[in-house]
Each structure stands twice: as structure tokens, then as C-alpha cells.
Amino acid sequence: MVLLNPNQRTKLDDADDAQFYDSPRFVTHVDDGFIQQLTDLYRDRQVMIRINLRQ
């Protein structure tokens, strides 16, 4: 099974890959809906922790 043809594997530039990875980058690997679900989950859990700490 071939996922990419050889012509699809060529780099778009000839620069050294080390230059690309030299500085940190902030990227998002999930969509906005997942980010919102995770945010809501953390918010709900934090509320539950605060309630439990008060008891």
C-alpha cells in the first residue's frame, strides 16, 4: 500500500530541516470543537474540585 507517490514526497524547499526545527512553533493538532469540549471538561472538573475542597 503506497500512501504517497514519490513526486508527493519531495520537499517544497531545499533548506536544511534543522533550520525549520531550530525555533519552537505553536501548532494546533485538533479542531475548535474538540478544544471547546476539553475546555468545558476542565472547567467542570475544576468546579467539582473546589466544591469537594470546601466540604
N, C-alpha and C. Protein backbone atom coordinates (compact mmCIF):
# COMPACT_ATOMS: atom_id res chain seq x y z
N MET A 1 0.84 -1.18 0.00
CA MET A 1 0.00 0.00 0.00
C MET A 1 0.89 1.24 0.00
N VAL A 2 0.74 2.09 -0.97
CA VAL A 2 1.52 3.32 -1.08
C VAL A 2 0.61 4.49 -0.73
N LEU A 3 1.01 5.25 0.30
CA LEU A 3 0.22 6.40 0.71
C LEU A 3 0.53 7.63 -0.12
N LEU A 4 1.79 7.81 -0.44
CA LEU A 4 2.21 8.95 -1.24
C LEU A 4 3.06 8.47 -2.40
N ASN A 5 2.86 9.08 -3.54
CA ASN A 5 3.71 8.79 -4.69
C ASN A 5 5.05 9.48 -4.50
N PRO A 6 6.10 9.02 -5.13
CA PRO A 6 7.41 9.65 -4.97
C PRO A 6 7.39 11.16 -5.26
N ASN A 7 6.63 11.61 -6.24
CA ASN A 7 6.60 13.05 -6.52
C ASN A 7 5.87 13.84 -5.44
N GLN A 8 5.09 13.17 -4.59
CA GLN A 8 4.42 13.83 -3.48
C GLN A 8 5.30 13.88 -2.23
N ARG A 9 6.42 13.22 -2.28
CA ARG A 9 7.33 13.17 -1.13
C ARG A 9 8.44 14.21 -1.21
N THR A 10 8.50 14.97 -2.25
CA THR A 10 9.57 15.95 -2.41
C THR A 10 9.32 17.17 -1.53
N LYS A 11 10.38 17.71 -1.01
CA LYS A 11 10.29 18.91 -0.18
C LYS A 11 9.96 20.12 -1.03
N LEU A 12 9.27 21.06 -0.45
CA LEU A 12 8.94 22.28 -1.17
C LEU A 12 10.11 23.25 -1.22
N ASP A 13 11.05 23.09 -0.30
CA ASP A 13 12.27 23.92 -0.32
C ASP A 13 13.48 23.03 -0.06
N ASP A 14 14.64 23.54 -0.36
CA ASP A 14 15.87 22.77 -0.18
C ASP A 14 16.59 23.11 1.12
N ALA A 15 15.96 23.89 1.99
CA ALA A 15 16.61 24.29 3.24
C ALA A 15 16.80 23.08 4.15
N ASP A 16 17.79 23.19 5.00
CA ASP A 16 18.08 22.14 5.98
C ASP A 16 16.92 22.04 6.97
N ASP A 17 16.45 20.83 7.24
CA ASP A 17 15.35 20.64 8.18
C ASP A 17 15.67 21.16 9.58
N ALA A 18 16.93 21.13 9.95
CA ALA A 18 17.34 21.62 11.28
C ALA A 18 16.98 23.09 11.45
N GLN A 19 17.04 23.86 10.37
CA GLN A 19 16.65 25.27 10.45
C GLN A 19 15.17 25.41 10.79
N PHE A 20 14.36 24.55 10.21
CA PHE A 20 12.92 24.60 10.48
C PHE A 20 12.64 24.30 11.95
N TYR A 21 13.33 23.32 12.50
CA TYR A 21 13.06 22.89 13.87
C TYR A 21 13.88 23.66 14.91
N ASP A 22 14.65 24.63 14.46
CA ASP A 22 15.51 25.39 15.36
C ASP A 22 14.72 26.23 16.36
N SER A 23 13.59 26.77 15.95
CA SER A 23 12.80 27.60 16.87
C SER A 23 11.44 26.93 17.12
N PRO A 24 10.93 27.08 18.35
CA PRO A 24 9.65 26.43 18.68
C PRO A 24 8.49 27.06 17.90
N ARG A 25 7.50 26.24 17.63
CA ARG A 25 6.29 26.70 16.95
C ARG A 25 5.08 26.24 17.75
N PHE A 26 4.09 27.08 17.78
CA PHE A 26 2.85 26.71 18.44
C PHE A 26 1.86 26.28 17.36
N VAL A 27 1.43 25.03 17.44
CA VAL A 27 0.51 24.49 16.45
C VAL A 27 -0.67 23.84 17.16
N THR A 28 -1.76 23.73 16.45
CA THR A 28 -2.95 23.07 16.96
C THR A 28 -3.21 21.84 16.12
N HIS A 29 -3.28 20.69 16.77
CA HIS A 29 -3.48 19.44 16.06
C HIS A 29 -4.91 18.92 16.20
N VAL A 30 -5.78 19.71 16.80
CA VAL A 30 -7.18 19.33 16.96
C VAL A 30 -8.07 20.48 16.51
N ASP A 31 -9.33 20.18 16.26
CA ASP A 31 -10.22 21.23 15.77
C ASP A 31 -10.83 22.03 16.92
N ASP A 32 -11.50 23.13 16.57
CA ASP A 32 -12.05 24.04 17.58
C ASP A 32 -13.10 23.36 18.46
N GLY A 33 -13.89 22.45 17.88
CA GLY A 33 -14.90 21.76 18.67
C GLY A 33 -14.28 20.92 19.78
N PHE A 34 -13.19 20.22 19.48
CA PHE A 34 -12.51 19.42 20.49
C PHE A 34 -11.90 20.32 21.57
N ILE A 35 -11.32 21.42 21.15
CA ILE A 35 -10.73 22.36 22.13
C ILE A 35 -11.81 22.85 23.08
N GLN A 36 -12.99 23.17 22.55
CA GLN A 36 -14.09 23.64 23.41
C GLN A 36 -14.55 22.55 24.36
N GLN A 37 -14.66 21.31 23.88
CA GLN A 37 -15.05 20.20 24.75
C GLN A 37 -14.05 20.00 25.87
N LEU A 38 -12.78 20.08 25.56
CA LEU A 38 -11.73 19.91 26.56
C LEU A 38 -11.76 21.06 27.56
N THR A 39 -11.96 22.28 27.07
CA THR A 39 -12.05 23.44 27.96
C THR A 39 -13.22 23.27 28.92
N ASP A 40 -14.38 22.85 28.39
CA ASP A 40 -15.55 22.65 29.24
C ASP A 40 -15.30 21.56 30.28
N LEU A 41 -14.64 20.47 29.87
CA LEU A 41 -14.34 19.39 30.80
C LEU A 41 -13.45 19.89 31.94
N TYR A 42 -12.39 20.61 31.60
CA TYR A 42 -11.50 21.14 32.64
C TYR A 42 -12.25 22.10 33.56
N ARG A 43 -13.09 22.94 32.99
CA ARG A 43 -13.86 23.88 33.79
C ARG A 43 -14.76 23.13 34.76
N ASP A 44 -15.47 22.10 34.27
CA ASP A 44 -16.36 21.31 35.12
C ASP A 44 -15.58 20.61 36.23
N ARG A 45 -14.43 20.05 35.89
CA ARG A 45 -13.63 19.33 36.89
C ARG A 45 -13.09 20.28 37.95
N GLN A 46 -12.69 21.47 37.53
CA GLN A 46 -12.18 22.44 38.50
C GLN A 46 -13.27 22.85 39.48
N VAL A 47 -14.49 23.01 39.00
CA VAL A 47 -15.61 23.36 39.86
C VAL A 47 -15.85 22.23 40.86
N MET A 48 -15.82 20.98 40.40
CA MET A 48 -16.04 19.85 41.30
C MET A 48 -14.93 19.77 42.34
N ILE A 49 -13.71 20.03 41.97
CA ILE A 49 -12.60 20.00 42.92
C ILE A 49 -12.79 21.08 43.98
N ARG A 50 -13.19 22.28 43.55
CA ARG A 50 -13.42 23.37 44.52
C ARG A 50 -14.54 23.02 45.48
N ILE A 51 -15.62 22.42 44.98
CA ILE A 51 -16.73 22.02 45.83
C ILE A 51 -16.26 20.98 46.85
N ASN A 52 -15.49 20.00 46.41
CA ASN A 52 -15.01 18.95 47.31
C ASN A 52 -14.05 19.50 48.35
N LEU A 53 -13.26 20.50 48.00
CA LEU A 53 -12.32 21.08 48.95
C LEU A 53 -13.03 21.86 50.06
N ARG A 54 -14.19 22.39 49.74
CA ARG A 54 -14.94 23.17 50.73
C ARG A 54 -15.61 22.28 51.76
N GLN A 55 -15.82 21.03 51.43
CA GLN A 55 -16.55 20.14 52.35
C GLN A 55 -15.64 19.59 53.42
